[in-house]
Each structure stands twice: as structure tokens, then as C-alpha cells.
PDB file of N, CA and C in Angstrom:
ATOM      1  N   MET A   1     -69.737 -36.615  81.205  1.00  0.00           N
ATOM      2  CA  MET A   1     -69.673 -35.596  79.915  1.00  0.00           C
ATOM      3  C   MET A   1     -68.314 -36.071  79.184  1.00  0.00           C
ATOM      4  N   SER A   2     -67.757 -35.924  78.074  1.00  0.00           N
ATOM      5  CA  SER A   2     -66.963 -36.652  77.335  1.00  0.00           C
ATOM      6  C   SER A   2     -65.644 -35.236  77.565  1.00  0.00           C
ATOM      7  N   ARG A   3     -64.205 -35.599  78.073  1.00  0.00           N
ATOM      8  CA  ARG A   3     -63.333 -34.474  77.657  1.00  0.00           C
ATOM      9  C   ARG A   3     -62.230 -34.850  76.450  1.00  0.00           C
ATOM     10  N   HIS A   4     -62.324 -33.995  75.955  1.00  0.00           N
ATOM     11  CA  HIS A   4     -61.371 -33.748  74.623  1.00  0.00           C
ATOM     12  C   HIS A   4     -60.373 -33.069  74.824  1.00  0.00           C
ATOM     13  N   GLU A   5     -59.018 -33.504  74.298  1.00  0.00           N
ATOM     14  CA  GLU A   5     -57.884 -32.548  74.205  1.00  0.00           C
ATOM     15  C   GLU A   5     -57.524 -32.568  73.184  1.00  0.00           C
ATOM     16  N   PHE A   6     -57.349 -31.658  72.274  1.00  0.00           N
ATOM     17  CA  PHE A   6     -56.608 -31.241  70.905  1.00  0.00           C
ATOM     18  C   PHE A   6     -55.648 -30.045  71.151  1.00  0.00           C
ATOM     19  N   THR A   7     -54.871 -29.785  70.004  1.00  0.00           N
ATOM     20  CA  THR A   7     -54.263 -28.632  70.043  1.00  0.00           C
ATOM     21  C   THR A   7     -54.507 -28.084  68.369  1.00  0.00           C
ATOM     22  N   LEU A   8     -55.179 -26.969  68.293  1.00  0.00           N
ATOM     23  CA  LEU A   8     -55.331 -26.204  67.297  1.00  0.00           C
ATOM     24  C   LEU A   8     -54.335 -25.142  66.872  1.00  0.00           C
ATOM     25  N   ILE A   9     -53.653 -25.043  66.010  1.00  0.00           N
ATOM     26  CA  ILE A   9     -52.893 -23.974  65.422  1.00  0.00           C
ATOM     27  C   ILE A   9     -53.462 -22.996  64.468  1.00  0.00           C
ATOM     28  N   VAL A  10     -53.767 -21.866  65.100  1.00  0.00           N
ATOM     29  CA  VAL A  10     -54.493 -20.724  64.081  1.00  0.00           C
ATOM     30  C   VAL A  10     -53.240 -20.194  63.872  1.00  0.00           C
ATOM     31  N   ALA A  11     -53.348 -19.525  62.329  1.00  0.00           N
ATOM     32  CA  ALA A  11     -52.546 -18.452  61.862  1.00  0.00           C
ATOM     33  C   ALA A  11     -53.481 -17.870  60.515  1.00  0.00           C
ATOM     34  N   ARG A  12     -53.451 -16.810  60.246  1.00  0.00           N
ATOM     35  CA  ARG A  12     -53.736 -15.863  59.388  1.00  0.00           C
ATOM     36  C   ARG A  12     -53.735 -15.917  58.197  1.00  0.00           C
ATOM     37  N   ALA A  13     -54.573 -15.812  57.354  1.00  0.00           N
ATOM     38  CA  ALA A  13     -54.523 -16.296  55.659  1.00  0.00           C
ATOM     39  C   ALA A  13     -53.638 -15.400  55.036  1.00  0.00           C
ATOM     40  N   ASP A  14     -53.180 -14.283  55.659  1.00  0.00           N
ATOM     41  CA  ASP A  14     -52.050 -13.312  55.049  1.00  0.00           C
ATOM     42  C   ASP A  14     -50.607 -13.369  55.501  1.00  0.00           C
ATOM     43  N   GLY A  15     -50.593 -14.344  56.447  1.00  0.00           N
ATOM     44  CA  GLY A  15     -49.414 -14.676  56.709  1.00  0.00           C
ATOM     45  C   GLY A  15     -48.907 -13.249  57.791  1.00  0.00           C
ATOM     46  N   GLY A  16     -49.904 -12.607  58.419  1.00  0.00           N
ATOM     47  CA  GLY A  16     -49.489 -11.148  59.548  1.00  0.00           C
ATOM     48  C   GLY A  16     -49.443 -11.947  61.000  1.00  0.00           C
ATOM     49  N   GLU A  17     -48.871 -10.860  61.894  1.00  0.00           N
ATOM     50  CA  GLU A  17     -49.166 -11.319  63.089  1.00  0.00           C
ATOM     51  C   GLU A  17     -50.550 -11.791  63.305  1.00  0.00           C
ATOM     52  N   PHE A  18     -50.947 -12.740  64.189  1.00  0.00           N
ATOM     53  CA  PHE A  18     -52.109 -13.170  64.721  1.00  0.00           C
ATOM     54  C   PHE A  18     -51.688 -13.615  66.192  1.00  0.00           C
ATOM     55  N   GLY A  19     -52.065 -12.543  67.106  1.00  0.00           N
ATOM     56  CA  GLY A  19     -52.135 -12.182  68.773  1.00  0.00           C
ATOM     57  C   GLY A  19     -52.859 -13.038  69.361  1.00  0.00           C
ATOM     58  N   LEU A  20     -52.430 -13.567  70.888  1.00  0.00           N
ATOM     59  CA  LEU A  20     -53.492 -13.960  71.581  1.00  0.00           C
ATOM     60  C   LEU A  20     -54.664 -13.668  71.445  1.00  0.00           C
ATOM     61  N   GLU A  21     -54.787 -12.127  71.625  1.00  0.00           N
ATOM     62  CA  GLU A  21     -56.782 -11.857  72.513  1.00  0.00           C
ATOM     63  C   GLU A  21     -57.384 -11.845  70.737  1.00  0.00           C
ATOM     64  N   ALA A  22     -56.319 -11.630  69.076  1.00  0.00           N
ATOM     65  CA  ALA A  22     -57.203 -12.081  68.114  1.00  0.00           C
ATOM     66  C   ALA A  22     -57.662 -13.321  67.949  1.00  0.00           C
ATOM     67  N   ALA A  23     -56.854 -14.181  68.372  1.00  0.00           N
ATOM     68  CA  ALA A  23     -57.136 -15.691  68.247  1.00  0.00           C
ATOM     69  C   ALA A  23     -58.023 -16.277  69.140  1.00  0.00           C
ATOM     70  N   SER A  24     -58.334 -15.250  70.622  1.00  0.00           N
ATOM     71  CA  SER A  24     -59.386 -16.033  71.472  1.00  0.00           C
ATOM     72  C   SER A  24     -60.643 -15.019  70.813  1.00  0.00           C
ATOM     73  N   ASP A  25     -60.406 -14.224  70.219  1.00  0.00           N
ATOM     74  CA  ASP A  25     -61.846 -13.631  69.591  1.00  0.00           C
ATOM     75  C   ASP A  25     -62.780 -14.530  68.399  1.00  0.00           C
ATOM     76  N   ALA A  26     -61.062 -14.566  67.852  1.00  0.00           N
ATOM     77  CA  ALA A  26     -62.207 -15.278  66.827  1.00  0.00           C
ATOM     78  C   ALA A  26     -62.523 -16.844  67.401  1.00  0.00           C
ATOM     79  N   LEU A  27     -61.995 -17.567  68.058  1.00  0.00           N
ATOM     80  CA  LEU A  27     -62.399 -18.838  68.134  1.00  0.00           C
ATOM     81  C   LEU A  27     -63.686 -18.659  69.220  1.00  0.00           C
ATOM     82  N   PHE A  28     -63.875 -17.421  69.685  1.00  0.00           N
ATOM     83  CA  PHE A  28     -65.112 -17.449  70.422  1.00  0.00           C
ATOM     84  C   PHE A  28     -66.066 -16.889  69.565  1.00  0.00           C
ATOM     85  N   GLU A  29     -65.884 -15.750  68.702  1.00  0.00           N
ATOM     86  CA  GLU A  29     -67.095 -15.917  67.338  1.00  0.00           C
ATOM     87  C   GLU A  29     -67.465 -17.199  66.758  1.00  0.00           C
ATOM     88  N   ALA A  30     -66.301 -18.236  66.590  1.00  0.00           N
ATOM     89  CA  ALA A  30     -66.750 -19.390  65.751  1.00  0.00           C
ATOM     90  C   ALA A  30     -67.491 -20.384  66.805  1.00  0.00           C
ATOM     91  N   GLY A  31     -67.750 -20.098  68.059  1.00  0.00           N
ATOM     92  CA  GLY A  31     -68.654 -20.880  68.915  1.00  0.00           C
ATOM     93  C   GLY A  31     -67.689 -21.778  69.671  1.00  0.00           C
ATOM     94  N   CYS A  32     -66.425 -21.173  69.654  1.00  0.00           N
ATOM     95  CA  CYS A  32     -65.549 -22.268  70.474  1.00  0.00           C
ATOM     96  C   CYS A  32     -65.462 -21.229  72.180  1.00  0.00           C
ATOM     97  N   ASP A  33     -65.895 -21.210  72.763  1.00  0.00           N
ATOM     98  CA  ASP A  33     -66.434 -20.621  73.881  1.00  0.00           C
ATOM     99  C   ASP A  33     -65.860 -20.691  75.148  1.00  0.00           C
ATOM    100  N   ASP A  34     -65.295 -21.602  75.294  1.00  0.00           N
ATOM    101  CA  ASP A  34     -65.062 -22.893  76.306  1.00  0.00           C
ATOM    102  C   ASP A  34     -63.495 -23.356  76.310  1.00  0.00           C
ATOM    103  N   ALA A  35     -62.823 -22.522  75.383  1.00  0.00           N
ATOM    104  CA  ALA A  35     -61.435 -23.025  75.394  1.00  0.00           C
ATOM    105  C   ALA A  35     -60.289 -22.174  76.186  1.00  0.00           C
ATOM    106  N   LEU A  36     -59.131 -22.828  76.255  1.00  0.00           N
ATOM    107  CA  LEU A  36     -58.203 -22.245  77.082  1.00  0.00           C
ATOM    108  C   LEU A  36     -57.200 -22.024  75.467  1.00  0.00           C
ATOM    109  N   VAL A  37     -56.817 -20.597  75.785  1.00  0.00           N
ATOM    110  CA  VAL A  37     -55.790 -19.978  74.260  1.00  0.00           C
ATOM    111  C   VAL A  37     -54.368 -19.890  74.742  1.00  0.00           C
ATOM    112  N   GLY A  38     -53.455 -19.956  74.661  1.00  0.00           N
ATOM    113  CA  GLY A  38     -52.260 -19.997  74.891  1.00  0.00           C
ATOM    114  C   GLY A  38     -51.110 -19.543  73.732  1.00  0.00           C
ATOM    115  N   ILE A  39     -49.751 -19.133  74.367  1.00  0.00           N
ATOM    116  CA  ILE A  39     -48.847 -19.017  73.132  1.00  0.00           C
ATOM    117  C   ILE A  39     -47.639 -19.950  73.471  1.00  0.00           C
ATOM    118  N   ARG A  40     -47.249 -20.952  72.470  1.00  0.00           N
ATOM    119  CA  ARG A  40     -46.193 -21.628  72.679  1.00  0.00           C
ATOM    120  C   ARG A  40     -44.838 -21.536  71.608  1.00  0.00           C
ATOM    121  N   CYS A  41     -43.788 -20.841  71.787  1.00  0.00           N
ATOM    122  CA  CYS A  41     -43.288 -20.889  70.844  1.00  0.00           C
ATOM    123  C   CYS A  41     -43.180 -19.819  69.958  1.00  0.00           C
ATOM    124  N   GLY A  42     -44.118 -18.915  70.472  1.00  0.00           N
ATOM    125  CA  GLY A  42     -44.647 -17.743  69.328  1.00  0.00           C
ATOM    126  C   GLY A  42     -45.980 -17.884  68.523  1.00  0.00           C
ATOM    127  N   VAL A  43     -46.433 -18.828  68.661  1.00  0.00           N
ATOM    128  CA  VAL A  43     -47.549 -19.809  67.618  1.00  0.00           C
ATOM    129  C   VAL A  43     -48.649 -19.668  68.907  1.00  0.00           C
ATOM    130  N   PRO A  44     -49.846 -19.140  68.374  1.00  0.00           N
ATOM    131  CA  PRO A  44     -51.264 -19.144  69.188  1.00  0.00           C
ATOM    132  C   PRO A  44     -51.746 -20.121  68.917  1.00  0.00           C
TER     133      PRO A  44
END
């Protein structure tokens, strides 16, 4: 099995706050159910 690493910066289209839980839920619902989600410098 191949291993891939990448950074995905998420943002809301309306410019509002996008917390860690909302980002995790959105990625899971989009099929990315094995990702590690975190915040760095205030960016999920």
C-alpha cells in the first residue's frame, strides 16, 4: 500500500469561522474518512 502525505487548507466560501469539528465532518462526508485533521496557526 502506498503512503501519501499532503496538506489541505480548508476555508468556508463565506469567509466565516471553520472549526476543527466542522472541517473533520466535511472531510468525512466527502469520503476522506481516514485523515488526521489539525489546526496550525489558526488554520484547520
